[in-house]
């Protein structure tokens, strides 16, 4: 499966502008033969996090925001995973939604590990560890940003059979090493693909470091944003998820089979 990651510039963006960005990226990704487009954390709502912008862009999984993105998936014929502020009653979640190429909803995941004071003030943490869907013959899992920095969260996906882990993120400088080092390590140690799509650019004194990455289970990197933090324009990065590579890596590196959880759980 060929997949595309959208790395987009941070800053204030209203909902119509966000839809235009997504429509343009989805069309270009589909034209390049990609079957799936992954966009960053809070694709709708934007970064840096602003309470007023979140309040305007928040909605339910079947609300107008998500319906509009589903229509883009149908128009362009590409599956999409994107972040948005999910409103559920009195609660606001940092969420990611996966839809098929026909726009049909496949999964919603709510960020379980909230980062920093701002997120804890704005969002309710999710309470589902592993959320998966079937797409193109692969088992696709969802995490968000800080979640992937917890090895237990990724390992839980590996044990549940996830082949491709989609991680929309909002990683800022100077934590570039998370994308450069930690994400490939997670892919290798848990024997799955990890796609990690980030923001770039600077706004309000915050600089997002880019470094969008697709890491493979054999220790290689399918794609890495080469310009890193100097990339101040939207771009698409492409990679392939190969079931043959998955099978070979899992035969060669047998971490999951050789685990002894009775020694370190309790």
C-alpha atoms as a PDB file:
ATOM      1  CA  UNK A   1       0.000   0.000   0.000  1.00  0.00           C
ATOM      2  CA  UNK A   2       1.374   3.392  -0.963  1.00  0.00           C
ATOM      3  CA  UNK A   3       0.628   5.998   1.688  1.00  0.00           C
ATOM      4  CA  UNK A   4       1.077   9.767   1.815  1.00  0.00           C
ATOM      5  CA  UNK A   5       1.739  11.981   4.825  1.00  0.00           C
ATOM      6  CA  UNK A   6       0.744  15.632   4.735  1.00  0.00           C
ATOM      7  CA  UNK A   7       3.195  17.923   6.507  1.00  0.00           C
ATOM      8  CA  UNK A   8       1.529  21.303   6.760  1.00  0.00           C
ATOM      9  CA  UNK A   9       2.422  24.757   8.034  1.00  0.00           C
ATOM     10  CA  UNK A  10       1.092  25.778  11.454  1.00  0.00           C
ATOM     11  CA  UNK A  11      -0.825  28.948  12.209  1.00  0.00           C
ATOM     12  CA  UNK A  12      -4.392  30.239  12.224  1.00  0.00           C
ATOM     13  CA  UNK A  13      -6.551  28.550   9.597  1.00  0.00           C
ATOM     14  CA  UNK A  14     -10.319  28.655   9.396  1.00  0.00           C
ATOM     15  CA  UNK A  15     -12.328  25.571   8.550  1.00  0.00           C
ATOM     16  CA  UNK A  16     -12.891  26.359   4.830  1.00  0.00           C
ATOM     17  CA  UNK A  17      -9.131  26.904   4.402  1.00  0.00           C
ATOM     18  CA  UNK A  18      -8.431  23.617   6.157  1.00  0.00           C
ATOM     19  CA  UNK A  19     -10.808  21.806   3.829  1.00  0.00           C
ATOM     20  CA  UNK A  20      -9.111  23.396   0.815  1.00  0.00           C
ATOM     21  CA  UNK A  21      -5.730  22.183   2.075  1.00  0.00           C
ATOM     22  CA  UNK A  22      -7.032  18.679   2.632  1.00  0.00           C
ATOM     23  CA  UNK A  23      -8.794  18.558  -0.738  1.00  0.00           C
ATOM     24  CA  UNK A  24      -5.640  19.681  -2.533  1.00  0.00           C
ATOM     25  CA  UNK A  25      -3.428  17.202  -0.655  1.00  0.00           C
ATOM     26  CA  UNK A  26      -5.865  14.320  -1.131  1.00  0.00           C
ATOM     27  CA  UNK A  27      -6.133  14.973  -4.860  1.00  0.00           C
ATOM     28  CA  UNK A  28      -2.364  15.135  -5.297  1.00  0.00           C
ATOM     29  CA  UNK A  29      -1.773  12.041  -3.160  1.00  0.00           C
ATOM     30  CA  UNK A  30      -4.366  10.032  -5.079  1.00  0.00           C
ATOM     31  CA  UNK A  31      -2.851  11.176  -8.387  1.00  0.00           C
ATOM     32  CA  UNK A  32       0.491   9.752  -7.188  1.00  0.00           C
ATOM     33  CA  UNK A  33      -1.141   6.395  -6.517  1.00  0.00           C
ATOM     34  CA  UNK A  34      -1.463   6.661  -2.729  1.00  0.00           C
ATOM     35  CA  UNK A  35      -4.313   4.751  -1.115  1.00  0.00           C
ATOM     36  CA  UNK A  36      -4.160   6.550   2.235  1.00  0.00           C
ATOM     37  CA  UNK A  37      -3.459  10.126   3.337  1.00  0.00           C
ATOM     38  CA  UNK A  38      -2.371  10.849   6.918  1.00  0.00           C
ATOM     39  CA  UNK A  39      -2.630  14.454   8.159  1.00  0.00           C
ATOM     40  CA  UNK A  40      -1.222  15.926  11.407  1.00  0.00           C
ATOM     41  CA  UNK A  41      -2.671  16.115  14.902  1.00  0.00           C
ATOM     42  CA  UNK A  42      -5.544  18.596  15.131  1.00  0.00           C
ATOM     43  CA  UNK A  43      -5.686  18.958  11.361  1.00  0.00           C
ATOM     44  CA  UNK A  44      -8.998  20.680  12.025  1.00  0.00           C
ATOM     45  CA  UNK A  45      -8.577  23.252  14.779  1.00  0.00           C
ATOM     46  CA  UNK A  46      -4.898  23.770  14.098  1.00  0.00           C
ATOM     47  CA  UNK A  47      -1.723  24.358  16.041  1.00  0.00           C
ATOM     48  CA  UNK A  48      -0.768  26.080  18.248  1.00  0.00           C
ATOM     49  CA  UNK A  49      -3.856  25.151  20.252  1.00  0.00           C
ATOM     50  CA  UNK A  50      -6.240  28.065  20.738  1.00  0.00           C
ATOM     51  CA  UNK A  51      -9.428  27.609  22.815  1.00  0.00           C
ATOM     52  CA  UNK A  52     -11.489  29.868  20.528  1.00  0.00           C
ATOM     53  CA  UNK A  53     -10.408  28.012  17.374  1.00  0.00           C
ATOM     54  CA  UNK A  54     -11.058  24.659  19.014  1.00  0.00           C
ATOM     55  CA  UNK A  55     -14.529  25.729  20.115  1.00  0.00           C
ATOM     56  CA  UNK A  56     -15.400  26.778  16.543  1.00  0.00           C
ATOM     57  CA  UNK A  57     -14.022  23.641  14.917  1.00  0.00           C
ATOM     58  CA  UNK A  58     -15.125  21.033  17.472  1.00  0.00           C
ATOM     59  CA  UNK A  59     -17.824  18.590  16.503  1.00  0.00           C
ATOM     60  CA  UNK A  60     -19.069  15.059  16.770  1.00  0.00           C
ATOM     61  CA  UNK A  61     -17.885  12.153  14.652  1.00  0.00           C
ATOM     62  CA  UNK A  62     -21.001  12.513  12.501  1.00  0.00           C
ATOM     63  CA  UNK A  63     -21.079  16.317  12.561  1.00  0.00           C
ATOM     64  CA  UNK A  64     -20.525  18.738   9.674  1.00  0.00           C
ATOM     65  CA  UNK A  65     -16.737  18.888  10.065  1.00  0.00           C
ATOM     66  CA  UNK A  66     -16.261  15.153   9.718  1.00  0.00           C
ATOM     67  CA  UNK A  67     -18.952  14.888   7.043  1.00  0.00           C
ATOM     68  CA  UNK A  68     -17.064  17.448   4.941  1.00  0.00           C
ATOM     69  CA  UNK A  69     -13.809  15.469   5.188  1.00  0.00           C
ATOM     70  CA  UNK A  70     -15.614  12.245   4.318  1.00  0.00           C
ATOM     71  CA  UNK A  71     -16.863  13.957   1.173  1.00  0.00           C
ATOM     72  CA  UNK A  72     -13.266  14.831   0.224  1.00  0.00           C
ATOM     73  CA  UNK A  73     -12.312  11.165   0.609  1.00  0.00           C
ATOM     74  CA  UNK A  74     -15.210  10.187  -1.676  1.00  0.00           C
ATOM     75  CA  UNK A  75     -14.378  12.871  -4.240  1.00  0.00           C
ATOM     76  CA  UNK A  76     -10.694  11.940  -4.458  1.00  0.00           C
ATOM     77  CA  UNK A  77     -10.987   8.190  -3.862  1.00  0.00           C
ATOM     78  CA  UNK A  78      -8.409   8.034  -1.074  1.00  0.00           C
ATOM     79  CA  UNK A  79      -8.692   6.903   2.548  1.00  0.00           C
ATOM     80  CA  UNK A  80      -7.883   9.625   5.063  1.00  0.00           C
ATOM     81  CA  UNK A  81      -6.810   9.877   8.697  1.00  0.00           C
ATOM     82  CA  UNK A  82      -6.919  13.324  10.273  1.00  0.00           C
ATOM     83  CA  UNK A  83      -7.015  14.972  13.673  1.00  0.00           C
ATOM     84  CA  UNK A  84      -9.873  17.063  15.019  1.00  0.00           C
ATOM     85  CA  UNK A  85     -11.364  18.227  18.334  1.00  0.00           C
ATOM     86  CA  UNK A  86     -14.162  15.765  19.017  1.00  0.00           C
ATOM     87  CA  UNK A  87     -17.072  17.110  21.036  1.00  0.00           C
ATOM     88  CA  UNK A  88     -19.009  14.502  23.006  1.00  0.00           C
ATOM     89  CA  UNK A  89     -21.461  16.083  25.399  1.00  0.00           C
ATOM     90  CA  UNK A  90     -19.517  18.167  27.908  1.00  0.00           C
ATOM     91  CA  UNK A  91     -16.209  16.549  26.911  1.00  0.00           C
ATOM     92  CA  UNK A  92     -13.671  17.642  24.304  1.00  0.00           C
ATOM     93  CA  UNK A  93     -11.214  15.050  23.002  1.00  0.00           C
ATOM     94  CA  UNK A  94      -8.056  15.295  20.948  1.00  0.00           C
ATOM     95  CA  UNK A  95      -9.100  12.715  18.367  1.00  0.00           C
ATOM     96  CA  UNK A  96      -8.153  11.145  15.053  1.00  0.00           C
ATOM     97  CA  UNK A  97     -10.685   9.779  12.586  1.00  0.00           C
ATOM     98  CA  UNK A  98     -10.010   7.242   9.828  1.00  0.00           C
ATOM     99  CA  UNK A  99     -12.320   7.058   6.822  1.00  0.00           C
ATOM    100  CA  UNK A 100     -12.210   4.786   3.779  1.00  0.00           C
ATOM    101  CA  UNK A 101     -11.833   5.888   0.181  1.00  0.00           C
ATOM    102  CA  UNK A 102     -15.624   5.931  -0.041  1.00  0.00           C
ATOM    103  CA  UNK A 103     -15.819   8.276   2.944  1.00  0.00           C
ATOM    104  CA  UNK A 104     -17.193   5.569   5.206  1.00  0.00           C
ATOM    105  CA  UNK A 105     -16.065   5.979   8.840  1.00  0.00           C
ATOM    106  CA  UNK A 106     -13.711   3.213   9.929  1.00  0.00           C
ATOM    107  CA  UNK A 107     -12.397   4.245  13.355  1.00  0.00           C
ATOM    108  CA  UNK A 108     -12.056   7.076  15.871  1.00  0.00           C
ATOM    109  CA  UNK A 109      -9.334   7.197  18.502  1.00  0.00           C
ATOM    110  CA  UNK A 110      -9.109   9.666  21.394  1.00  0.00           C
ATOM    111  CA  UNK A 111      -5.636  10.619  22.625  1.00  0.00           C
ATOM    112  CA  UNK A 112      -4.975   8.758  25.864  1.00  0.00           C
ATOM    113  CA  UNK A 113      -1.726  10.416  26.975  1.00  0.00           C
ATOM    114  CA  UNK A 114      -2.217  14.172  27.159  1.00  0.00           C
ATOM    115  CA  UNK A 115       0.910  16.304  27.056  1.00  0.00           C
ATOM    116  CA  UNK A 116       1.496  19.341  29.208  1.00  0.00           C
ATOM    117  CA  UNK A 117      -0.716  21.768  31.039  1.00  0.00           C
ATOM    118  CA  UNK A 118      -2.527  23.121  27.964  1.00  0.00           C
ATOM    119  CA  UNK A 119      -3.778  19.733  26.797  1.00  0.00           C
ATOM    120  CA  UNK A 120      -4.883  18.738  30.278  1.00  0.00           C
ATOM    121  CA  UNK A 121      -6.848  21.974  30.565  1.00  0.00           C
ATOM    122  CA  UNK A 122      -8.471  21.633  27.145  1.00  0.00           C
ATOM    123  CA  UNK A 123      -9.108  17.924  26.663  1.00  0.00           C
ATOM    124  CA  UNK A 124     -10.452  14.835  28.364  1.00  0.00           C
ATOM    125  CA  UNK A 125      -8.097  11.851  27.963  1.00  0.00           C
ATOM    126  CA  UNK A 126      -9.366   8.903  25.941  1.00  0.00           C
ATOM    127  CA  UNK A 127      -9.754   5.541  27.624  1.00  0.00           C
ATOM    128  CA  UNK A 128      -9.217   3.104  24.735  1.00  0.00           C
ATOM    129  CA  UNK A 129      -5.704   1.725  24.348  1.00  0.00           C
ATOM    130  CA  UNK A 130      -5.995  -0.063  21.007  1.00  0.00           C
ATOM    131  CA  UNK A 131      -8.259   1.130  18.191  1.00  0.00           C
ATOM    132  CA  UNK A 132      -7.942  -0.657  14.851  1.00  0.00           C
ATOM    133  CA  UNK A 133      -9.582  -0.955  11.457  1.00  0.00           C
ATOM    134  CA  UNK A 134      -9.079  -3.047   8.331  1.00  0.00           C
ATOM    135  CA  UNK A 135      -7.866  -1.152   5.276  1.00  0.00           C
ATOM    136  CA  UNK A 136      -6.446  -2.536   2.051  1.00  0.00           C
ATOM    137  CA  UNK A 137      -5.741  -5.916   3.576  1.00  0.00           C
ATOM    138  CA  UNK A 138      -3.834  -4.359   6.507  1.00  0.00           C
ATOM    139  CA  UNK A 139      -4.738  -3.967  10.150  1.00  0.00           C
ATOM    140  CA  UNK A 140      -4.382  -0.251  10.791  1.00  0.00           C
ATOM    141  CA  UNK A 141      -4.058   1.189  14.282  1.00  0.00           C
ATOM    142  CA  UNK A 142      -4.301   4.749  15.605  1.00  0.00           C
ATOM    143  CA  UNK A 143      -2.337   6.733  18.188  1.00  0.00           C
ATOM    144  CA  UNK A 144      -1.713  10.478  18.545  1.00  0.00           C
ATOM    145  CA  UNK A 145       1.595  12.293  19.076  1.00  0.00           C
ATOM    146  CA  UNK A 146       2.718  11.790  22.714  1.00  0.00           C
ATOM    147  CA  UNK A 147       1.047   8.352  22.793  1.00  0.00           C
ATOM    148  CA  UNK A 148       3.802   6.879  20.601  1.00  0.00           C
ATOM    149  CA  UNK A 149       6.432   7.896  23.154  1.00  0.00           C
ATOM    150  CA  UNK A 150       5.052   5.230  25.498  1.00  0.00           C
ATOM    151  CA  UNK A 151       6.476   1.852  24.424  1.00  0.00           C
ATOM    152  CA  UNK A 152       3.575   0.067  26.108  1.00  0.00           C
ATOM    153  CA  UNK A 153       1.070   1.783  23.826  1.00  0.00           C
ATOM    154  CA  UNK A 154       2.852   0.666  20.660  1.00  0.00           C
ATOM    155  CA  UNK A 155       3.540  -2.816  22.002  1.00  0.00           C
ATOM    156  CA  UNK A 156      -0.171  -3.217  22.779  1.00  0.00           C
ATOM    157  CA  UNK A 157      -0.866  -2.560  19.104  1.00  0.00           C
ATOM    158  CA  UNK A 158       1.773  -5.062  18.056  1.00  0.00           C
ATOM    159  CA  UNK A 159       0.271  -7.747  20.270  1.00  0.00           C
ATOM    160  CA  UNK A 160      -3.184  -6.967  18.850  1.00  0.00           C
ATOM    161  CA  UNK A 161      -1.907  -7.493  15.300  1.00  0.00           C
ATOM    162  CA  UNK A 162      -1.528  -3.927  14.017  1.00  0.00           C
ATOM    163  CA  UNK A 163       0.461  -3.792  10.763  1.00  0.00           C
ATOM    164  CA  UNK A 164       0.443  -0.029  10.206  1.00  0.00           C
ATOM    165  CA  UNK A 165       0.258   2.447  13.077  1.00  0.00           C
ATOM    166  CA  UNK A 166      -0.930   5.925  12.065  1.00  0.00           C
ATOM    167  CA  UNK A 167       0.297   8.705  14.353  1.00  0.00           C
ATOM    168  CA  UNK A 168      -0.760  12.282  13.579  1.00  0.00           C
ATOM    169  CA  UNK A 169       1.466  14.543  15.656  1.00  0.00           C
ATOM    170  CA  UNK A 170       2.292  18.099  16.685  1.00  0.00           C
ATOM    171  CA  UNK A 171       5.966  17.695  17.562  1.00  0.00           C
ATOM    172  CA  UNK A 172       7.878  20.880  18.347  1.00  0.00           C
ATOM    173  CA  UNK A 173      11.560  21.722  18.449  1.00  0.00           C
ATOM    174  CA  UNK A 174      13.854  20.842  20.168  1.00  0.00           C
ATOM    175  CA  UNK A 175      12.340  17.346  20.401  1.00  0.00           C
ATOM    176  CA  UNK A 176      13.257  16.392  16.833  1.00  0.00           C
ATOM    177  CA  UNK A 177      14.906  13.220  18.134  1.00  0.00           C
ATOM    178  CA  UNK A 178      11.459  11.728  18.778  1.00  0.00           C
ATOM    179  CA  UNK A 179      10.821  11.567  15.029  1.00  0.00           C
ATOM    180  CA  UNK A 180      14.423  10.900  14.088  1.00  0.00           C
ATOM    181  CA  UNK A 181      15.226   8.172  16.628  1.00  0.00           C
ATOM    182  CA  UNK A 182      12.286   7.089  18.755  1.00  0.00           C
ATOM    183  CA  UNK A 183       9.687   6.521  16.019  1.00  0.00           C
ATOM    184  CA  UNK A 184      11.971   4.192  13.972  1.00  0.00           C
ATOM    185  CA  UNK A 185      12.865   2.382  17.195  1.00  0.00           C
ATOM    186  CA  UNK A 186       9.179   1.835  17.990  1.00  0.00           C
ATOM    187  CA  UNK A 187       8.627   0.385  14.515  1.00  0.00           C
ATOM    188  CA  UNK A 188      11.569  -1.970  14.883  1.00  0.00           C
ATOM    189  CA  UNK A 189      10.970  -3.124  18.451  1.00  0.00           C
ATOM    190  CA  UNK A 190       7.267  -3.795  17.855  1.00  0.00           C
ATOM    191  CA  UNK A 191       7.599  -5.078  14.281  1.00  0.00           C
ATOM    192  CA  UNK A 192       5.108  -2.808  12.542  1.00  0.00           C
ATOM    193  CA  UNK A 193       5.081   0.241  10.291  1.00  0.00           C
ATOM    194  CA  UNK A 194       4.712   3.641  11.937  1.00  0.00           C
ATOM    195  CA  UNK A 195       3.569   6.659   9.906  1.00  0.00           C
ATOM    196  CA  UNK A 196       4.143   9.933  11.766  1.00  0.00           C
ATOM    197  CA  UNK A 197       2.792  13.147  10.181  1.00  0.00           C
ATOM    198  CA  UNK A 198       3.753  16.489  11.716  1.00  0.00           C
ATOM    199  CA  UNK A 199       3.280  20.225  11.404  1.00  0.00           C
ATOM    200  CA  UNK A 200       6.079  22.570  10.366  1.00  0.00           C
ATOM    201  CA  UNK A 201       6.795  26.290  10.621  1.00  0.00           C
ATOM    202  CA  UNK A 202       6.592  28.762  13.489  1.00  0.00           C
ATOM    203  CA  UNK A 203       3.727  30.644  15.076  1.00  0.00           C
ATOM    204  CA  UNK A 204       3.221  32.352  18.417  1.00  0.00           C
ATOM    205  CA  UNK A 205       6.783  31.609  19.472  1.00  0.00           C
ATOM    206  CA  UNK A 206       6.388  27.869  18.906  1.00  0.00           C
ATOM    207  CA  UNK A 207       8.316  26.059  16.197  1.00  0.00           C
ATOM    208  CA  UNK A 208       7.117  22.737  14.823  1.00  0.00           C
ATOM    209  CA  UNK A 209       9.968  20.572  13.664  1.00  0.00           C
ATOM    210  CA  UNK A 210       8.563  18.724  10.665  1.00  0.00           C
ATOM    211  CA  UNK A 211      10.483  15.463  10.288  1.00  0.00           C
ATOM    212  CA  UNK A 212       7.431  13.573   9.095  1.00  0.00           C
ATOM    213  CA  UNK A 213       8.461   9.915   9.005  1.00  0.00           C
ATOM    214  CA  UNK A 214       7.326   6.514   7.781  1.00  0.00           C
ATOM    215  CA  UNK A 215       9.366   3.884   9.624  1.00  0.00           C
ATOM    216  CA  UNK A 216       9.451   0.203   8.666  1.00  0.00           C
ATOM    217  CA  UNK A 217       9.675  -2.864  10.933  1.00  0.00           C
ATOM    218  CA  UNK A 218      13.066  -3.909   9.533  1.00  0.00           C
ATOM    219  CA  UNK A 219      14.880  -0.841  10.877  1.00  0.00           C
ATOM    220  CA  UNK A 220      14.697   1.174   7.675  1.00  0.00           C
ATOM    221  CA  UNK A 221      12.878   4.461   7.107  1.00  0.00           C
ATOM    222  CA  UNK A 222      10.512   4.574   4.139  1.00  0.00           C
ATOM    223  CA  UNK A 223      10.503   8.354   4.098  1.00  0.00           C
ATOM    224  CA  UNK A 224      11.802  11.200   6.220  1.00  0.00           C
ATOM    225  CA  UNK A 225      11.225  14.900   5.701  1.00  0.00           C
ATOM    226  CA  UNK A 226      14.709  15.859   4.436  1.00  0.00           C
ATOM    227  CA  UNK A 227      14.466  19.570   5.130  1.00  0.00           C
ATOM    228  CA  UNK A 228      13.204  19.056   8.683  1.00  0.00           C
ATOM    229  CA  UNK A 229      12.585  22.273  10.628  1.00  0.00           C
ATOM    230  CA  UNK A 230      13.504  24.483   7.698  1.00  0.00           C
ATOM    231  CA  UNK A 231      10.436  23.289   5.775  1.00  0.00           C
ATOM    232  CA  UNK A 232       7.970  26.158   5.950  1.00  0.00           C
ATOM    233  CA  UNK A 233       5.614  25.052   3.202  1.00  0.00           C
ATOM    234  CA  UNK A 234       3.087  22.250   2.858  1.00  0.00           C
ATOM    235  CA  UNK A 235       4.442  19.056   1.362  1.00  0.00           C
ATOM    236  CA  UNK A 236       3.499  15.433   0.805  1.00  0.00           C
ATOM    237  CA  UNK A 237       5.844  12.599   1.706  1.00  0.00           C
ATOM    238  CA  UNK A 238       5.266   9.108   0.366  1.00  0.00           C
ATOM    239  CA  UNK A 239       6.136   5.584   1.462  1.00  0.00           C
ATOM    240  CA  UNK A 240       5.003   1.996   0.968  1.00  0.00           C
ATOM    241  CA  UNK A 241       3.734  -0.557   3.436  1.00  0.00           C
ATOM    242  CA  UNK A 242       4.858  -3.956   2.180  1.00  0.00           C
ATOM    243  CA  UNK A 243       3.335  -7.117   3.719  1.00  0.00           C
ATOM    244  CA  UNK A 244       6.417  -9.050   2.563  1.00  0.00           C
ATOM    245  CA  UNK A 245       8.650  -6.754   4.603  1.00  0.00           C
ATOM    246  CA  UNK A 246       6.362  -7.187   7.589  1.00  0.00           C
ATOM    247  CA  UNK A 247       6.479 -10.983   7.372  1.00  0.00           C
ATOM    248  CA  UNK A 248      10.238 -11.092   6.852  1.00  0.00           C
ATOM    249  CA  UNK A 249      10.953  -8.688   9.718  1.00  0.00           C
ATOM    250  CA  UNK A 250       8.721 -10.646  12.089  1.00  0.00           C
ATOM    251  CA  UNK A 251      10.490 -13.897  11.170  1.00  0.00           C
ATOM    252  CA  UNK A 252      13.929 -12.375  11.615  1.00  0.00           C
ATOM    253  CA  UNK A 253      13.423 -10.283  14.734  1.00  0.00           C
ATOM    254  CA  UNK A 254      11.334 -12.290  17.172  1.00  0.00           C
ATOM    255  CA  UNK A 255      10.781  -9.830  19.993  1.00  0.00           C
ATOM    256  CA  UNK A 256       7.070 -10.592  20.245  1.00  0.00           C
ATOM    257  CA  UNK A 257       7.610 -14.339  20.381  1.00  0.00           C
ATOM    258  CA  UNK A 258      10.510 -14.128  22.839  1.00  0.00           C
ATOM    259  CA  UNK A 259       8.813 -11.826  25.336  1.00  0.00           C
ATOM    260  CA  UNK A 260       8.548 -13.017  28.944  1.00  0.00           C
ATOM    261  CA  UNK A 261       5.772 -10.775  30.294  1.00  0.00           C
ATOM    262  CA  UNK A 262       5.504 -12.771  33.511  1.00  0.00           C
ATOM    263  CA  UNK A 263       8.833 -11.201  34.516  1.00  0.00           C
ATOM    264  CA  UNK A 264       7.831  -7.578  34.065  1.00  0.00           C
ATOM    265  CA  UNK A 265       4.098  -7.275  34.578  1.00  0.00           C
ATOM    266  CA  UNK A 266       2.264  -7.283  37.806  1.00  0.00           C
END
